[in-house]
Amino acid sequence: MSNDSQDSAAAADSRSEPFHAQGLAASLTVKDLEQSVAWYHRVVGFAVDQRMERDGQLRAVAVRAGDVRLLLNQDDGAKGWERAKGEGISLNITTAQDVDALAARIRAGGGTLDSEPADMPWGVRAFRVRDPDGFRIAFSSPR
């Protein structure tokens, strides 16, 4: 069998097998990195995992909550400072914790909920928020 035939056979086999991901991390470009880090850390409860500098300037911060990792990147302004962020995307973070208590924590920390915790028809209790740049996040836990 030629190499081209072997490559074609391998590609066909890989298409028949479902994709099995092992995790997901999101990278968000933010207008004010320190403000975003403070919101994710103090308001929501993420831990600061790693701070990344380039040429002596803080450029990105990774925050983590359990297996969820977000990389917050400082916008460099190259595409304009007023461009909309967070449009067309919503992150869904699942937890075994009480989402009502999490919602209360976010409100107490100065965050605003887009929706109050509610039971959803698909068997979870969930609520939604927006971060300082408008990225939408839904938090849910099984009922």
C-alpha atoms as a PDB file:
ATOM      1  CA  MET A   1       0.000   0.000   0.000  1.00  0.00           C
ATOM      2  CA  SER A   2       1.413   3.421  -0.915  1.00  0.00           C
ATOM      3  CA  ASN A   3       1.875   6.203   1.647  1.00  0.00           C
ATOM      4  CA  ASP A   4      -1.015   8.146   0.057  1.00  0.00           C
ATOM      5  CA  SER A   5      -3.298   5.113   0.433  1.00  0.00           C
ATOM      6  CA  GLN A   6      -2.205   4.608   4.060  1.00  0.00           C
ATOM      7  CA  ASP A   7      -2.835   8.297   4.845  1.00  0.00           C
ATOM      8  CA  SER A   8      -6.304   8.108   3.242  1.00  0.00           C
ATOM      9  CA  ALA A   9      -7.165   4.948   5.189  1.00  0.00           C
ATOM     10  CA  ALA A  10      -5.980   6.507   8.472  1.00  0.00           C
ATOM     11  CA  ALA A  11      -8.007   9.648   7.788  1.00  0.00           C
ATOM     12  CA  ALA A  12     -11.135   7.590   7.068  1.00  0.00           C
ATOM     13  CA  ASP A  13     -10.649   5.605  10.296  1.00  0.00           C
ATOM     14  CA  SER A  14     -10.203   8.808  12.335  1.00  0.00           C
ATOM     15  CA  ARG A  15     -13.451  10.256  10.933  1.00  0.00           C
ATOM     16  CA  SER A  16     -15.442   7.180  11.965  1.00  0.00           C
ATOM     17  CA  GLU A  17     -14.285   7.425  15.588  1.00  0.00           C
ATOM     18  CA  PRO A  18     -15.977  10.134  17.693  1.00  0.00           C
ATOM     19  CA  PHE A  19     -13.810  12.924  19.048  1.00  0.00           C
ATOM     20  CA  HIS A  20     -13.121  12.568  22.796  1.00  0.00           C
ATOM     21  CA  ALA A  21     -11.936  15.807  24.405  1.00  0.00           C
ATOM     22  CA  GLN A  22     -10.356  15.825  27.843  1.00  0.00           C
ATOM     23  CA  GLY A  23     -10.774  19.455  28.814  1.00  0.00           C
ATOM     24  CA  LEU A  24     -11.378  22.979  27.672  1.00  0.00           C
ATOM     25  CA  ALA A  25      -9.699  26.217  28.636  1.00  0.00           C
ATOM     26  CA  ALA A  26     -10.850  29.579  27.325  1.00  0.00           C
ATOM     27  CA  SER A  27      -8.684  32.567  26.445  1.00  0.00           C
ATOM     28  CA  LEU A  28     -10.399  35.952  26.815  1.00  0.00           C
ATOM     29  CA  THR A  29      -9.016  39.300  25.662  1.00  0.00           C
ATOM     30  CA  VAL A  30      -9.918  41.960  28.216  1.00  0.00           C
ATOM     31  CA  LYS A  31      -9.746  45.739  28.276  1.00  0.00           C
ATOM     32  CA  ASP A  32      -8.376  46.081  31.835  1.00  0.00           C
ATOM     33  CA  LEU A  33      -6.444  43.005  32.943  1.00  0.00           C
ATOM     34  CA  GLU A  34      -6.159  43.946  36.635  1.00  0.00           C
ATOM     35  CA  GLN A  35      -9.913  44.701  36.830  1.00  0.00           C
ATOM     36  CA  SER A  36     -10.765  41.367  35.204  1.00  0.00           C
ATOM     37  CA  VAL A  37      -8.404  39.420  37.453  1.00  0.00           C
ATOM     38  CA  ALA A  38      -9.951  41.106  40.500  1.00  0.00           C
ATOM     39  CA  TRP A  39     -13.476  40.257  39.289  1.00  0.00           C
ATOM     40  CA  TYR A  40     -12.722  36.586  38.586  1.00  0.00           C
ATOM     41  CA  HIS A  41     -10.719  36.214  41.813  1.00  0.00           C
ATOM     42  CA  ARG A  42     -12.578  38.325  44.387  1.00  0.00           C
ATOM     43  CA  VAL A  43     -16.121  38.284  43.031  1.00  0.00           C
ATOM     44  CA  VAL A  44     -16.401  34.746  41.638  1.00  0.00           C
ATOM     45  CA  GLY A  45     -13.684  32.914  43.589  1.00  0.00           C
ATOM     46  CA  PHE A  46     -11.179  31.764  40.965  1.00  0.00           C
ATOM     47  CA  ALA A  47      -7.594  31.307  42.168  1.00  0.00           C
ATOM     48  CA  VAL A  48      -4.806  33.147  40.379  1.00  0.00           C
ATOM     49  CA  ASP A  49      -2.844  30.329  38.747  1.00  0.00           C
ATOM     50  CA  GLN A  50      -0.130  32.085  36.759  1.00  0.00           C
ATOM     51  CA  ARG A  51       0.913  35.641  35.850  1.00  0.00           C
ATOM     52  CA  MET A  52       2.701  36.163  32.519  1.00  0.00           C
ATOM     53  CA  GLU A  53       4.876  39.142  31.732  1.00  0.00           C
ATOM     54  CA  ARG A  54       6.536  40.283  28.536  1.00  0.00           C
ATOM     55  CA  ASP A  55       9.146  43.046  28.491  1.00  0.00           C
ATOM     56  CA  GLY A  56       8.399  43.772  32.148  1.00  0.00           C
ATOM     57  CA  GLN A  57       4.664  44.271  31.561  1.00  0.00           C
ATOM     58  CA  LEU A  58       1.878  42.016  32.795  1.00  0.00           C
ATOM     59  CA  ARG A  59       0.259  40.643  29.607  1.00  0.00           C
ATOM     60  CA  ALA A  60      -1.875  37.731  30.809  1.00  0.00           C
ATOM     61  CA  VAL A  61      -3.118  35.989  33.933  1.00  0.00           C
ATOM     62  CA  ALA A  62      -4.420  32.436  34.162  1.00  0.00           C
ATOM     63  CA  VAL A  63      -7.149  31.868  36.737  1.00  0.00           C
ATOM     64  CA  ARG A  64      -8.395  28.458  37.834  1.00  0.00           C
ATOM     65  CA  ALA A  65     -11.406  27.002  39.617  1.00  0.00           C
ATOM     66  CA  GLY A  66     -11.121  23.228  39.902  1.00  0.00           C
ATOM     67  CA  ASP A  67     -10.590  21.872  36.383  1.00  0.00           C
ATOM     68  CA  VAL A  68     -11.705  25.137  34.727  1.00  0.00           C
ATOM     69  CA  ARG A  69      -8.911  27.436  33.562  1.00  0.00           C
ATOM     70  CA  LEU A  70      -9.336  30.834  31.946  1.00  0.00           C
ATOM     71  CA  LEU A  71      -6.523  32.840  30.419  1.00  0.00           C
ATOM     72  CA  LEU A  72      -7.169  36.574  30.663  1.00  0.00           C
ATOM     73  CA  ASN A  73      -5.135  38.525  28.084  1.00  0.00           C
ATOM     74  CA  GLN A  74      -4.570  42.268  28.109  1.00  0.00           C
ATOM     75  CA  ASP A  75      -5.971  43.858  24.941  1.00  0.00           C
ATOM     76  CA  ASP A  76      -3.264  45.782  23.105  1.00  0.00           C
ATOM     77  CA  GLY A  77      -5.760  48.150  21.473  1.00  0.00           C
ATOM     78  CA  ALA A  78      -4.680  47.224  17.942  1.00  0.00           C
ATOM     79  CA  LYS A  79      -8.296  46.561  16.922  1.00  0.00           C
ATOM     80  CA  GLY A  80      -9.652  49.642  18.696  1.00  0.00           C
ATOM     81  CA  TRP A  81     -10.395  50.159  22.364  1.00  0.00           C
ATOM     82  CA  GLU A  82     -14.151  50.357  21.936  1.00  0.00           C
ATOM     83  CA  ARG A  83     -14.637  47.067  20.112  1.00  0.00           C
ATOM     84  CA  ALA A  84     -17.276  44.819  21.656  1.00  0.00           C
ATOM     85  CA  LYS A  85     -16.010  41.862  23.628  1.00  0.00           C
ATOM     86  CA  GLY A  86     -17.944  38.800  24.652  1.00  0.00           C
ATOM     87  CA  GLU A  87     -20.491  39.020  21.843  1.00  0.00           C
ATOM     88  CA  GLY A  88     -21.726  35.703  20.523  1.00  0.00           C
ATOM     89  CA  ILE A  89     -20.179  33.496  23.193  1.00  0.00           C
ATOM     90  CA  SER A  90     -21.350  32.128  26.500  1.00  0.00           C
ATOM     91  CA  LEU A  91     -19.285  29.985  28.820  1.00  0.00           C
ATOM     92  CA  ASN A  92     -21.085  27.362  30.907  1.00  0.00           C
ATOM     93  CA  ILE A  93     -19.293  26.381  34.085  1.00  0.00           C
ATOM     94  CA  THR A  94     -20.674  23.405  35.984  1.00  0.00           C
ATOM     95  CA  THR A  95     -20.097  22.838  39.677  1.00  0.00           C
ATOM     96  CA  ALA A  96     -21.247  20.461  42.389  1.00  0.00           C
ATOM     97  CA  GLN A  97     -21.523  23.451  44.728  1.00  0.00           C
ATOM     98  CA  ASP A  98     -24.737  25.264  45.617  1.00  0.00           C
ATOM     99  CA  VAL A  99     -25.328  27.768  42.804  1.00  0.00           C
ATOM    100  CA  ASP A 100     -27.603  29.859  45.022  1.00  0.00           C
ATOM    101  CA  ALA A 101     -24.688  30.358  47.440  1.00  0.00           C
ATOM    102  CA  LEU A 102     -22.390  31.162  44.500  1.00  0.00           C
ATOM    103  CA  ALA A 103     -24.879  33.709  43.181  1.00  0.00           C
ATOM    104  CA  ALA A 104     -25.062  35.288  46.654  1.00  0.00           C
ATOM    105  CA  ARG A 105     -21.247  35.440  46.779  1.00  0.00           C
ATOM    106  CA  ILE A 106     -21.112  37.175  43.394  1.00  0.00           C
ATOM    107  CA  ARG A 107     -23.769  39.724  44.430  1.00  0.00           C
ATOM    108  CA  ALA A 108     -21.974  40.350  47.759  1.00  0.00           C
ATOM    109  CA  GLY A 109     -18.721  40.941  45.848  1.00  0.00           C
ATOM    110  CA  GLY A 110     -20.337  43.609  43.687  1.00  0.00           C
ATOM    111  CA  GLY A 111     -21.233  41.435  40.688  1.00  0.00           C
ATOM    112  CA  THR A 112     -24.570  41.723  38.914  1.00  0.00           C
ATOM    113  CA  LEU A 113     -26.565  38.671  37.847  1.00  0.00           C
ATOM    114  CA  ASP A 114     -28.147  38.612  34.386  1.00  0.00           C
ATOM    115  CA  SER A 115     -30.567  35.987  35.675  1.00  0.00           C
ATOM    116  CA  GLU A 116     -31.367  34.668  39.133  1.00  0.00           C
ATOM    117  CA  PRO A 117     -30.757  31.003  40.004  1.00  0.00           C
ATOM    118  CA  ALA A 118     -33.568  28.864  38.601  1.00  0.00           C
ATOM    119  CA  ASP A 119     -34.329  25.204  37.933  1.00  0.00           C
ATOM    120  CA  MET A 120     -33.927  24.394  34.236  1.00  0.00           C
ATOM    121  CA  PRO A 121     -35.948  21.729  32.405  1.00  0.00           C
ATOM    122  CA  TRP A 122     -32.774  19.757  31.589  1.00  0.00           C
ATOM    123  CA  GLY A 123     -32.122  18.969  35.264  1.00  0.00           C
ATOM    124  CA  VAL A 124     -29.801  21.715  36.481  1.00  0.00           C
ATOM    125  CA  ARG A 125     -30.097  24.844  38.586  1.00  0.00           C
ATOM    126  CA  ALA A 126     -28.390  27.774  36.870  1.00  0.00           C
ATOM    127  CA  PHE A 127     -27.875  31.520  36.708  1.00  0.00           C
ATOM    128  CA  ARG A 128     -26.010  33.898  34.387  1.00  0.00           C
ATOM    129  CA  VAL A 129     -23.609  36.811  34.815  1.00  0.00           C
ATOM    130  CA  ARG A 130     -21.456  39.062  32.617  1.00  0.00           C
ATOM    131  CA  ASP A 131     -17.858  39.808  33.446  1.00  0.00           C
ATOM    132  CA  PRO A 132     -16.472  43.379  33.215  1.00  0.00           C
ATOM    133  CA  ASP A 133     -15.932  42.963  29.438  1.00  0.00           C
ATOM    134  CA  GLY A 134     -19.378  41.531  28.737  1.00  0.00           C
ATOM    135  CA  PHE A 135     -18.408  37.863  28.459  1.00  0.00           C
ATOM    136  CA  ARG A 136     -21.472  35.842  29.474  1.00  0.00           C
ATOM    137  CA  ILE A 137     -21.048  33.029  31.948  1.00  0.00           C
ATOM    138  CA  ALA A 138     -23.668  30.547  33.093  1.00  0.00           C
ATOM    139  CA  PHE A 139     -23.056  28.662  36.332  1.00  0.00           C
ATOM    140  CA  SER A 140     -24.986  25.447  36.862  1.00  0.00           C
ATOM    141  CA  SER A 141     -25.191  22.445  39.133  1.00  0.00           C
ATOM    142  CA  PRO A 142     -27.270  19.275  38.991  1.00  0.00           C
ATOM    143  CA  ARG A 143     -30.547  19.405  40.899  1.00  0.00           C
END
